[in-house]
N, C-alpha and C. Protein backbone atom coordinates (compact mmCIF):
# COMPACT_ATOMS: atom_id res chain seq x y z
N MET A 1 -10.07 1.34 -35.46
CA MET A 1 -11.00 2.45 -35.46
C MET A 1 -12.45 1.97 -35.36
N PRO A 2 -12.84 0.93 -36.07
CA PRO A 2 -14.22 0.46 -35.92
C PRO A 2 -14.53 -0.02 -34.50
N ASP A 3 -13.49 -0.51 -33.80
CA ASP A 3 -13.69 -0.96 -32.43
C ASP A 3 -14.12 0.20 -31.53
N ILE A 4 -13.48 1.34 -31.70
CA ILE A 4 -13.80 2.51 -30.89
C ILE A 4 -15.22 2.97 -31.17
N LEU A 5 -15.60 2.98 -32.43
CA LEU A 5 -16.96 3.38 -32.78
C LEU A 5 -17.99 2.44 -32.17
N PHE A 6 -17.69 1.16 -32.18
CA PHE A 6 -18.60 0.18 -31.58
C PHE A 6 -18.74 0.42 -30.08
N ILE A 7 -17.61 0.66 -29.41
CA ILE A 7 -17.64 0.91 -27.97
C ILE A 7 -18.42 2.18 -27.66
N LEU A 8 -18.20 3.24 -28.43
CA LEU A 8 -18.95 4.48 -28.22
C LEU A 8 -20.45 4.30 -28.44
N LEU A 9 -20.81 3.57 -29.47
CA LEU A 9 -22.22 3.30 -29.75
C LEU A 9 -22.83 2.47 -28.62
N LEU A 10 -22.12 1.47 -28.17
CA LEU A 10 -22.61 0.64 -27.07
C LEU A 10 -22.75 1.46 -25.78
N ALA A 11 -21.78 2.32 -25.51
CA ALA A 11 -21.86 3.17 -24.33
C ALA A 11 -23.05 4.12 -24.42
N MET A 12 -23.31 4.65 -25.59
CA MET A 12 -24.45 5.56 -25.78
C MET A 12 -25.76 4.82 -25.53
N ILE A 13 -25.84 3.59 -25.98
CA ILE A 13 -27.06 2.80 -25.78
C ILE A 13 -27.25 2.45 -24.30
N VAL A 14 -26.16 2.00 -23.66
CA VAL A 14 -26.26 1.56 -22.27
C VAL A 14 -26.44 2.74 -21.32
N LEU A 15 -25.64 3.78 -21.49
CA LEU A 15 -25.64 4.90 -20.55
C LEU A 15 -26.63 6.00 -20.90
N GLY A 16 -26.92 6.13 -22.16
CA GLY A 16 -27.80 7.20 -22.61
C GLY A 16 -27.01 8.45 -22.95
N PRO A 17 -27.54 9.25 -23.83
CA PRO A 17 -26.81 10.44 -24.29
C PRO A 17 -26.65 11.51 -23.20
N LYS A 18 -27.50 11.49 -22.18
CA LYS A 18 -27.39 12.52 -21.13
C LYS A 18 -26.27 12.20 -20.14
N LYS A 19 -26.09 10.94 -19.82
CA LYS A 19 -25.07 10.55 -18.84
C LYS A 19 -23.69 10.38 -19.45
N LEU A 20 -23.62 10.12 -20.74
CA LEU A 20 -22.33 9.84 -21.38
C LEU A 20 -21.32 10.97 -21.20
N PRO A 21 -21.68 12.25 -21.41
CA PRO A 21 -20.68 13.32 -21.19
C PRO A 21 -20.21 13.40 -19.74
N GLN A 22 -21.10 13.17 -18.79
CA GLN A 22 -20.72 13.23 -17.38
C GLN A 22 -19.72 12.12 -17.07
N ILE A 23 -20.00 10.94 -17.55
CA ILE A 23 -19.12 9.80 -17.29
C ILE A 23 -17.78 9.99 -18.00
N ALA A 24 -17.81 10.52 -19.21
CA ALA A 24 -16.57 10.77 -19.95
C ALA A 24 -15.71 11.79 -19.21
N ALA A 25 -16.33 12.82 -18.64
CA ALA A 25 -15.58 13.82 -17.88
C ALA A 25 -14.96 13.19 -16.64
N GLN A 26 -15.72 12.34 -15.96
CA GLN A 26 -15.21 11.68 -14.76
C GLN A 26 -14.04 10.75 -15.10
N VAL A 27 -14.16 10.02 -16.19
CA VAL A 27 -13.07 9.14 -16.63
C VAL A 27 -11.83 9.98 -16.95
N GLY A 28 -12.03 11.11 -17.60
CA GLY A 28 -10.91 12.00 -17.90
C GLY A 28 -10.21 12.49 -16.65
N LYS A 29 -10.99 12.83 -15.61
CA LYS A 29 -10.39 13.27 -14.35
C LYS A 29 -9.58 12.15 -13.72
N TYR A 30 -10.14 10.94 -13.73
CA TYR A 30 -9.43 9.81 -13.14
C TYR A 30 -8.14 9.50 -13.90
N LEU A 31 -8.19 9.59 -15.22
CA LEU A 31 -6.98 9.35 -16.01
C LEU A 31 -5.92 10.40 -15.73
N ALA A 32 -6.33 11.65 -15.61
CA ALA A 32 -5.38 12.72 -15.30
C ALA A 32 -4.76 12.50 -13.93
N GLN A 33 -5.58 12.10 -12.96
CA GLN A 33 -5.08 11.83 -11.62
C GLN A 33 -4.10 10.66 -11.63
N PHE A 34 -4.43 9.62 -12.38
CA PHE A 34 -3.54 8.46 -12.48
C PHE A 34 -2.21 8.85 -13.11
N GLN A 35 -2.25 9.67 -14.16
CA GLN A 35 -1.00 10.10 -14.81
C GLN A 35 -0.15 10.95 -13.86
N ARG A 36 -0.80 11.80 -13.06
CA ARG A 36 -0.07 12.60 -12.09
C ARG A 36 0.61 11.72 -11.05
N MET A 37 -0.12 10.74 -10.55
CA MET A 37 0.45 9.83 -9.55
C MET A 37 1.58 9.01 -10.16
N LYS A 38 1.41 8.57 -11.40
CA LYS A 38 2.46 7.80 -12.07
C LYS A 38 3.72 8.64 -12.24
N ARG A 39 3.55 9.90 -12.60
CA ARG A 39 4.69 10.80 -12.78
C ARG A 39 5.41 11.01 -11.44
N GLU A 40 4.65 11.16 -10.36
CA GLU A 40 5.26 11.34 -9.04
C GLU A 40 6.07 10.10 -8.63
N VAL A 41 5.52 8.93 -8.88
CA VAL A 41 6.24 7.69 -8.54
C VAL A 41 7.51 7.57 -9.38
N MET A 42 7.40 7.86 -10.65
CA MET A 42 8.58 7.78 -11.53
C MET A 42 9.64 8.78 -11.09
N ASP A 43 9.24 9.98 -10.69
CA ASP A 43 10.20 10.98 -10.20
C ASP A 43 10.89 10.49 -8.94
N GLN A 44 10.13 9.88 -8.04
CA GLN A 44 10.72 9.35 -6.81
C GLN A 44 11.69 8.22 -7.11
N VAL A 45 11.32 7.33 -8.01
CA VAL A 45 12.21 6.22 -8.37
C VAL A 45 13.48 6.76 -9.02
N ASN A 46 13.32 7.70 -9.93
CA ASN A 46 14.50 8.26 -10.60
C ASN A 46 15.43 8.97 -9.62
N SER A 47 14.86 9.72 -8.68
CA SER A 47 15.72 10.41 -7.72
C SER A 47 16.41 9.42 -6.79
N GLU A 48 15.74 8.34 -6.45
CA GLU A 48 16.36 7.32 -5.59
C GLU A 48 17.48 6.60 -6.33
N VAL A 49 17.27 6.28 -7.60
CA VAL A 49 18.31 5.64 -8.40
C VAL A 49 19.51 6.56 -8.52
N LEU A 50 19.25 7.84 -8.77
CA LEU A 50 20.34 8.82 -8.87
C LEU A 50 21.11 8.92 -7.56
N ARG A 51 20.38 8.93 -6.44
CA ARG A 51 21.02 9.00 -5.14
C ARG A 51 21.90 7.77 -4.89
N LEU A 52 21.39 6.59 -5.26
CA LEU A 52 22.15 5.36 -5.09
C LEU A 52 23.39 5.34 -5.98
N GLU A 53 23.25 5.82 -7.22
CA GLU A 53 24.41 5.87 -8.12
C GLU A 53 25.47 6.82 -7.60
N GLU A 54 25.05 7.96 -7.05
CA GLU A 54 26.01 8.91 -6.50
C GLU A 54 26.73 8.31 -5.30
N GLY A 55 26.00 7.59 -4.46
CA GLY A 55 26.61 6.94 -3.31
C GLY A 55 27.59 5.87 -3.75
N LYS A 56 27.26 5.17 -4.81
CA LYS A 56 28.15 4.12 -5.33
C LYS A 56 29.44 4.73 -5.86
N GLN A 57 29.33 5.88 -6.55
CA GLN A 57 30.51 6.53 -7.10
C GLN A 57 31.40 7.07 -5.99
N GLN A 58 30.81 7.54 -4.90
CA GLN A 58 31.60 8.08 -3.81
C GLN A 58 32.37 6.97 -3.08
N GLN A 59 31.81 5.76 -3.07
CA GLN A 59 32.48 4.65 -2.41
C GLN A 59 33.66 4.13 -3.23
N SER A 60 33.62 4.36 -4.52
CA SER A 60 34.70 3.86 -5.39
C SER A 60 35.94 4.69 -5.31
């Protein structure tokens, strides 16, 4: 917890109190976009694995 406070204090000093909310919002958008892309990739991998398993069962 003290680490987070230190990082926030350092960010406030470096970026300034006016830019910090803008940058935090932008980081939030990027994180949401990354999570969406990660979910899409995981869904594709899972569907491909399922397709391969079904094909394997049909061959048996």
